[in-house]
Protein backbone atom coordinates (compact mmCIF):
# COMPACT_ATOMS: atom_id res chain seq x y z
CA UNK A 1 41.32 -43.09 8.56
CA UNK A 2 41.05 -42.22 12.25
CA UNK A 3 43.84 -39.70 11.95
CA UNK A 4 42.08 -38.00 9.04
CA UNK A 5 38.52 -38.17 10.36
CA UNK A 6 39.17 -36.84 13.87
CA UNK A 7 40.55 -33.46 12.78
CA UNK A 8 37.68 -33.10 10.29
CA UNK A 9 35.12 -33.75 13.02
CA UNK A 10 36.77 -31.19 15.23
CA UNK A 11 36.71 -28.62 12.44
CA UNK A 12 33.04 -29.28 11.81
CA UNK A 13 32.25 -28.91 15.50
CA UNK A 14 34.16 -25.64 15.64
CA UNK A 15 32.33 -24.32 12.59
CA UNK A 16 28.95 -25.18 14.07
CA UNK A 17 29.79 -23.48 17.35
CA UNK A 18 30.54 -20.13 15.68
CA UNK A 19 27.65 -17.61 15.92
CA UNK A 20 25.60 -17.20 12.76
CA UNK A 21 25.88 -13.84 10.98
CA UNK A 22 23.20 -11.32 11.95
CA UNK A 23 20.40 -11.20 9.37
CA UNK A 24 16.75 -10.41 8.76
CA UNK A 25 14.70 -12.19 6.08
CA UNK A 26 12.17 -9.91 4.39
CA UNK A 27 9.27 -11.11 2.25
CA UNK A 28 8.46 -8.04 0.15
CA UNK A 29 5.67 -7.25 -2.30
CA UNK A 30 7.38 -3.97 -3.20
CA UNK A 31 9.45 -3.89 -6.39
CA UNK A 32 11.18 -0.52 -6.42
CA UNK A 33 14.85 0.19 -7.08
CA UNK A 34 14.99 2.49 -4.06
CA UNK A 35 14.31 -0.48 -1.77
CA UNK A 36 17.77 -1.89 -2.54
CA UNK A 37 19.29 1.29 -1.17
CA UNK A 38 16.93 1.06 1.80
CA UNK A 39 18.16 -2.45 2.64
CA UNK A 40 21.81 -1.55 2.06
CA UNK A 41 21.56 1.46 4.36
CA UNK A 42 19.99 -0.65 7.11
CA UNK A 43 22.84 -3.16 6.85
CA UNK A 44 25.44 -0.39 6.89
CA UNK A 45 23.97 1.15 10.04
CA UNK A 46 23.29 -2.04 11.97
CA UNK A 47 25.52 -4.76 10.56
CA UNK A 48 22.39 -6.87 9.97
CA UNK A 49 22.24 -8.47 6.52
CA UNK A 50 18.90 -8.12 4.72
CA UNK A 51 17.82 -11.15 2.71
CA UNK A 52 14.85 -10.50 0.45
CA UNK A 53 12.24 -12.66 -1.26
CA UNK A 54 10.04 -10.68 -3.65
CA UNK A 55 6.63 -11.67 -4.93
CA UNK A 56 3.04 -10.59 -5.19
CA UNK A 57 1.23 -9.81 -1.94
CA UNK A 58 -1.22 -12.71 -2.16
CA UNK A 59 1.56 -15.04 -3.30
CA UNK A 60 3.73 -14.19 -0.29
CA UNK A 61 0.82 -14.53 2.14
CA UNK A 62 0.00 -17.95 0.70
CA UNK A 63 3.65 -18.99 0.89
CA UNK A 64 3.94 -17.99 4.55
CA UNK A 65 0.75 -19.92 5.31
CA UNK A 66 2.15 -23.05 3.69
CA UNK A 67 5.50 -22.71 5.42
CA UNK A 68 3.94 -22.38 8.86
CA UNK A 69 6.33 -22.57 11.78
CA UNK A 70 9.17 -23.45 9.39
CA UNK A 71 8.91 -20.13 7.52
CA UNK A 72 12.21 -18.22 7.37
CA UNK A 73 10.31 -14.92 7.04
CA UNK A 74 11.06 -12.30 9.68
CA UNK A 75 9.17 -9.40 8.10
CA UNK A 76 6.31 -9.15 5.61
CA UNK A 77 6.12 -5.94 3.54
CA UNK A 78 3.02 -5.51 1.45
CA UNK A 79 0.75 -2.86 -0.02
CA UNK A 80 -2.78 -1.99 1.07
CA UNK A 81 -4.24 -2.35 4.54
CA UNK A 82 -6.62 -4.96 3.15
CA UNK A 83 -3.73 -7.29 2.43
CA UNK A 84 -2.10 -6.60 5.79
CA UNK A 85 -5.43 -7.49 7.36
CA UNK A 86 -5.58 -10.74 5.36
CA UNK A 87 -2.09 -11.69 6.54
CA UNK A 88 -3.03 -10.94 10.12
CA UNK A 89 -6.30 -12.87 9.86
CA UNK A 90 -4.28 -15.83 8.61
CA UNK A 91 -2.24 -15.69 11.83
CA UNK A 92 0.97 -14.71 10.04
CA UNK A 93 1.89 -11.62 12.08
CA UNK A 94 2.72 -10.98 15.73
CA UNK A 95 2.25 -7.91 17.95
CA UNK A 96 5.09 -5.44 18.33
CA UNK A 97 5.22 -2.55 20.75
CA UNK A 98 8.12 -0.12 20.89
CA UNK A 99 8.24 3.49 22.00
CA UNK A 100 9.86 4.58 18.75
CA UNK A 101 7.25 3.00 16.46
CA UNK A 102 4.34 4.26 18.51
CA UNK A 103 5.82 7.75 18.65
CA UNK A 104 6.63 8.07 14.95
CA UNK A 105 3.82 6.15 13.22
CA UNK A 106 0.44 7.86 13.81
CA UNK A 107 -2.12 5.67 15.57
CA UNK A 108 -4.55 5.65 12.64
CA UNK A 109 -1.83 4.32 10.32
CA UNK A 110 -1.05 1.18 12.32
CA UNK A 111 -2.83 -1.85 13.71
CA UNK A 112 -4.34 -1.04 17.11
CA UNK A 113 -2.39 -3.89 18.72
CA UNK A 114 0.83 -3.45 16.75
CA UNK A 115 0.41 -6.38 14.37
CA UNK A 116 1.52 -4.16 11.48
CA UNK A 117 2.53 -0.58 10.76
CA UNK A 118 1.95 1.69 7.78
CA UNK A 119 5.12 3.23 6.38
CA UNK A 120 3.83 5.09 3.31
CA UNK A 121 0.50 6.66 2.37
CA UNK A 122 -1.31 6.33 -0.94
CA UNK A 123 -4.27 8.49 -1.94
CA UNK A 124 -7.17 7.24 -4.08
CA UNK A 125 -8.24 10.28 -6.06
CA UNK A 126 -10.44 11.43 -8.93
CA UNK A 127 -8.98 12.28 -12.34
CA UNK A 128 -10.82 14.39 -14.91
CA UNK A 129 -10.48 15.53 -18.51
CA UNK A 130 -9.30 19.14 -18.31
CA UNK A 131 -10.96 20.00 -21.62
CA UNK A 132 -14.40 18.55 -20.95
CA UNK A 133 -15.02 18.52 -17.19
CA UNK A 134 -15.56 21.21 -14.58
CA UNK A 135 -13.79 19.75 -11.51
CA UNK A 136 -16.25 21.53 -9.20
CA UNK A 137 -18.79 18.86 -10.18
CA UNK A 138 -16.76 16.04 -8.60
CA UNK A 139 -15.45 17.35 -5.30
CA UNK A 140 -16.62 14.30 -3.33
CA UNK A 141 -16.50 10.55 -3.93
CA UNK A 142 -20.26 10.64 -3.55
CA UNK A 143 -20.53 12.82 -6.67
CA UNK A 144 -19.37 9.89 -8.82
CA UNK A 145 -22.62 8.07 -8.05
CA UNK A 146 -24.91 10.97 -8.91
CA UNK A 147 -27.51 9.74 -11.45
CA UNK A 148 -27.49 13.25 -12.97
CA UNK A 149 -23.70 13.29 -13.39
CA UNK A 150 -23.77 12.71 -17.16
CA UNK A 151 -20.05 11.89 -17.27
CA UNK A 152 -18.47 8.52 -18.01
CA UNK A 153 -16.15 6.97 -15.41
CA UNK A 154 -13.24 4.56 -15.85
CA UNK A 155 -12.40 2.34 -12.89
CA UNK A 156 -10.81 -1.05 -12.48
CA UNK A 157 -12.55 -4.18 -11.22
CA UNK A 158 -14.06 -4.43 -7.76
CA UNK A 159 -11.83 -7.47 -7.25
CA UNK A 160 -8.95 -5.01 -6.93
CA UNK A 161 -8.07 -4.46 -3.29
CA UNK A 162 -7.67 -0.68 -3.76
CA UNK A 163 -11.35 -0.39 -4.73
CA UNK A 164 -12.36 -2.79 -1.99
CA UNK A 165 -10.60 -0.60 0.56
CA UNK A 166 -12.27 2.57 -0.73
CA UNK A 167 -15.67 0.87 -0.49
CA UNK A 168 -14.75 -0.46 2.97
CA UNK A 169 -13.99 3.08 4.11
CA UNK A 170 -17.48 4.11 3.00
CA UNK A 171 -18.98 1.22 4.95
CA UNK A 172 -17.11 2.45 8.02
CA UNK A 173 -18.10 6.10 7.56
CA UNK A 174 -21.66 5.79 6.29
CA UNK A 175 -22.86 2.22 6.81
CA UNK A 176 -23.47 -0.69 4.45
CA UNK A 177 -26.68 0.64 2.93
CA UNK A 178 -25.19 3.98 1.89
CA UNK A 179 -22.07 2.25 0.59
CA UNK A 180 -24.21 -0.07 -1.54
CA UNK A 181 -26.14 2.89 -2.99
CA UNK A 182 -22.83 4.54 -3.87
CA UNK A 183 -21.38 1.41 -5.50
CA UNK A 184 -24.55 0.92 -7.52
CA UNK A 185 -24.57 4.55 -8.66
CA UNK A 186 -20.91 4.40 -9.59
CA UNK A 187 -21.56 1.29 -11.67
CA UNK A 188 -24.38 3.03 -13.53
CA UNK A 189 -22.00 5.85 -14.52
CA UNK A 190 -19.21 3.69 -15.94
CA UNK A 191 -18.27 4.41 -19.53
CA UNK A 192 -16.87 0.91 -20.08
CA UNK A 193 -16.68 -2.42 -18.24
CA UNK A 194 -13.94 -2.44 -15.57
CA UNK A 195 -10.61 -3.41 -17.10
CA UNK A 196 -6.88 -2.91 -16.67
CA UNK A 197 -4.90 -1.32 -13.87
CA UNK A 198 -4.89 2.17 -12.40
CA UNK A 199 -2.67 3.60 -15.15
CA UNK A 200 -5.17 2.36 -17.75
CA UNK A 201 -7.95 4.33 -16.07
CA UNK A 202 -5.96 7.58 -16.24
CA UNK A 203 -5.02 6.93 -19.87
CA UNK A 204 -8.70 6.29 -20.57
CA UNK A 205 -9.40 9.88 -19.55
CA UNK A 206 -6.49 11.20 -21.61
CA UNK A 207 -7.70 9.33 -24.71
CA UNK A 208 -11.28 10.57 -24.35
CA UNK A 209 -12.74 7.15 -23.62
CA UNK A 210 -14.08 8.48 -20.32
CA UNK A 211 -14.31 11.86 -18.61
CA UNK A 212 -13.45 10.71 -15.09
CA UNK A 213 -11.39 8.00 -13.41
CA UNK A 214 -10.55 6.63 -9.97
CA UNK A 215 -6.92 5.67 -9.34
CA UNK A 216 -4.11 5.99 -6.80
CA UNK A 217 -2.19 9.24 -7.02
CA UNK A 218 1.27 7.80 -7.69
CA UNK A 219 0.25 6.22 -11.01
CA UNK A 220 -0.41 9.76 -12.23
CA UNK A 221 2.96 11.00 -10.95
CA UNK A 222 4.68 8.15 -12.78
CA UNK A 223 3.07 9.31 -16.04
CA UNK A 224 3.84 12.96 -15.32
CA UNK A 225 7.55 12.23 -14.70
CA UNK A 226 7.93 9.55 -17.40
CA UNK A 227 10.77 9.61 -19.89
CA UNK A 228 8.18 8.97 -22.59
CA UNK A 229 6.90 12.24 -24.06
CA UNK A 230 3.53 10.71 -25.05
CA UNK A 231 2.86 9.52 -21.49
CA UNK A 232 3.77 12.92 -20.09
CA UNK A 233 1.42 14.57 -22.58
CA UNK A 234 -1.36 12.20 -21.53
CA UNK A 235 -0.86 13.13 -17.87
CA UNK A 236 -0.90 16.84 -18.68
CA UNK A 237 -4.33 16.50 -20.28
CA UNK A 238 -5.67 15.05 -17.04
CA UNK A 239 -6.51 17.02 -13.91
CA UNK A 240 -6.63 15.70 -10.35
CA UNK A 241 -9.20 16.20 -7.59
CA UNK A 242 -8.53 15.34 -3.95
CA UNK A 243 -12.05 14.45 -2.82
CA UNK A 244 -13.92 15.38 0.34
CA UNK A 245 -11.62 18.20 1.40
CA UNK A 246 -14.58 19.94 3.03
CA UNK A 247 -15.46 16.98 5.25
CA UNK A 248 -13.69 13.68 6.05
CA UNK A 249 -10.75 14.11 3.66
CA UNK A 250 -9.32 12.07 0.82
CA UNK A 251 -9.26 8.30 1.27
CA UNK A 252 -5.82 6.96 2.14
CA UNK A 253 -4.29 3.53 2.23
CA UNK A 254 -0.87 2.35 3.30
CA UNK A 255 2.12 0.34 2.27
CA UNK A 256 3.17 -1.40 5.47
CA UNK A 257 4.99 -4.16 7.25
CA UNK A 258 4.72 -6.49 10.21
CA UNK A 259 6.88 -8.98 12.05
CA UNK A 260 6.19 -12.57 11.01
CA UNK A 261 4.58 -14.74 13.66
CA UNK A 262 7.38 -17.32 13.57
CA UNK A 263 10.22 -14.87 12.87
CA UNK A 264 13.55 -16.64 13.55
CA UNK A 265 15.22 -13.24 14.03
CA UNK A 266 12.55 -11.29 15.89
CA UNK A 267 14.84 -8.71 17.47
CA UNK A 268 16.37 -7.89 14.08
CA UNK A 269 12.90 -7.70 12.54
CA UNK A 270 11.81 -5.14 15.14
CA UNK A 271 14.98 -3.11 14.50
CA UNK A 272 14.17 -3.20 10.79
CA UNK A 273 10.64 -1.85 11.37
CA UNK A 274 12.07 0.90 13.56
CA UNK A 275 14.49 1.79 10.78
CA UNK A 276 11.59 2.08 8.32
CA UNK A 277 10.21 4.79 10.61
CA UNK A 278 13.45 6.81 10.48
CA UNK A 279 13.61 10.02 8.45
CA UNK A 280 16.17 8.48 6.11
CA UNK A 281 14.13 5.37 5.40
CA UNK A 282 10.87 7.29 5.17
CA UNK A 283 12.30 9.46 2.40
CA UNK A 284 13.45 6.38 0.47
CA UNK A 285 10.37 4.27 1.21
CA UNK A 286 7.96 6.99 0.09
CA UNK A 287 9.91 8.50 -2.80
CA UNK A 288 10.51 5.11 -4.38
CA UNK A 289 6.87 5.20 -5.49
CA UNK A 290 5.98 8.91 -5.13
CA UNK A 291 4.00 8.17 -1.95
CA UNK A 292 3.45 10.24 1.17
CA UNK A 293 5.61 9.37 4.21
CA UNK A 294 3.82 8.60 7.47
CA UNK A 295 6.29 10.51 9.65
CA UNK A 296 5.62 14.24 9.83
CA UNK A 297 8.34 16.55 8.58
CA UNK A 298 9.93 14.19 6.05
CA UNK A 299 10.49 15.97 2.73
CA UNK A 300 7.94 15.13 0.05
CA UNK A 301 8.41 14.18 -3.56
CA UNK A 302 8.59 17.43 -5.60
CA UNK A 303 5.26 16.80 -7.36
CA UNK A 304 3.54 16.13 -4.05
CA UNK A 305 5.00 19.34 -2.64
CA UNK A 306 3.25 21.29 -5.42
CA UNK A 307 -0.12 19.88 -4.31
CA UNK A 308 0.20 21.61 -0.94
CA UNK A 309 -1.47 20.66 2.32
CA UNK A 310 -4.34 18.21 1.96
CA UNK A 311 -7.00 16.97 4.34
CA UNK A 312 -6.48 13.22 4.68
CA UNK A 313 -9.04 10.82 6.11
CA UNK A 314 -7.90 9.85 9.62
CA UNK A 315 -9.98 6.67 9.74
CA UNK A 316 -7.84 3.91 11.25
CA UNK A 317 -6.69 1.96 8.20
CA UNK A 318 -7.28 -1.30 10.07
CA UNK A 319 -10.97 -0.60 9.44
CA UNK A 320 -10.34 -1.11 5.72
CA UNK A 321 -9.53 -4.73 6.47
CA UNK A 322 -12.32 -5.21 9.00
CA UNK A 323 -14.93 -4.08 6.46
CA UNK A 324 -13.30 -5.72 3.43
CA UNK A 325 -15.61 -8.78 3.41
CA UNK A 326 -18.68 -6.52 3.49
CA UNK A 327 -17.26 -4.40 0.67
CA UNK A 328 -16.78 -7.53 -1.46
CA UNK A 329 -20.36 -8.63 -0.75
CA UNK A 330 -21.71 -5.21 -1.70
CA UNK A 331 -19.80 -5.13 -4.98
CA UNK A 332 -21.10 -8.57 -5.87
CA UNK A 333 -24.65 -7.66 -4.93
CA UNK A 334 -24.80 -4.48 -7.00
CA UNK A 335 -23.05 -6.03 -9.98
CA UNK A 336 -19.77 -4.07 -9.86
CA UNK A 337 -17.60 -6.64 -11.60
């Protein structure tokens, strides 16, 4: 037994002394095929293996909270600045400061202290029925709350973080009182109770159930480029307005990422964030969902190229999280379900 056990112990000791393979563990709320190529390319260029756990944003945030210091997460990728703010408020992210990230990611698209960085931009825009609506009547978000509008609006619930962030941006720009007036006016112009996701709002316009809708731009591009002829036809009946081009610009949000507070592989996590800011990754990260890259000069999705140069709101997206609680209170107070 001694003769057999001793060599086994030595082998085990030798195995334990070998360095572990380089890796980075990513918790991701993105579910796009292009992300697989993104991860593979990072591994090919760095030798660092990417391990991925996918789930909903709130689910992943809750999981990291439960795991605490034992969490294997190195990076959290999620959508919407409001959710990034929630993760940060829960103490799940740590500050990162590198010359590359600060040079390539514009200041208004990242946390002021580097707790997270935006890597793609998403626009919340107005859709209209081409046959029944003059788009000149809805050139600003504020127009949707006009009591004389006379047009029915489709929009999803105020519990949706996209709507919360839009309302939070109005709190930041105009104050709580003005934001409440807008939310109340919007609610009075709804053609149906809030229901469904963003795609359902656009299809509501196409079907004639409402004349106007609020939704993120990429849901429209998905319909427009769908392999389903009926969905393409629905998109073609709908026009798009990029609001507030004459003043603050269209509201933007971000898909972003941060380094986990207890990241076991912090250096690899930072390298991964820096890779997401590369031209190669930006093209993949943004095109996977027809979004706008955050790095200037990266080629746009063909549909987005056709829309030309747009004025985008340069409000720091961290403000969307800061004012999220107030936005939720306003929606509850005015009865926007």
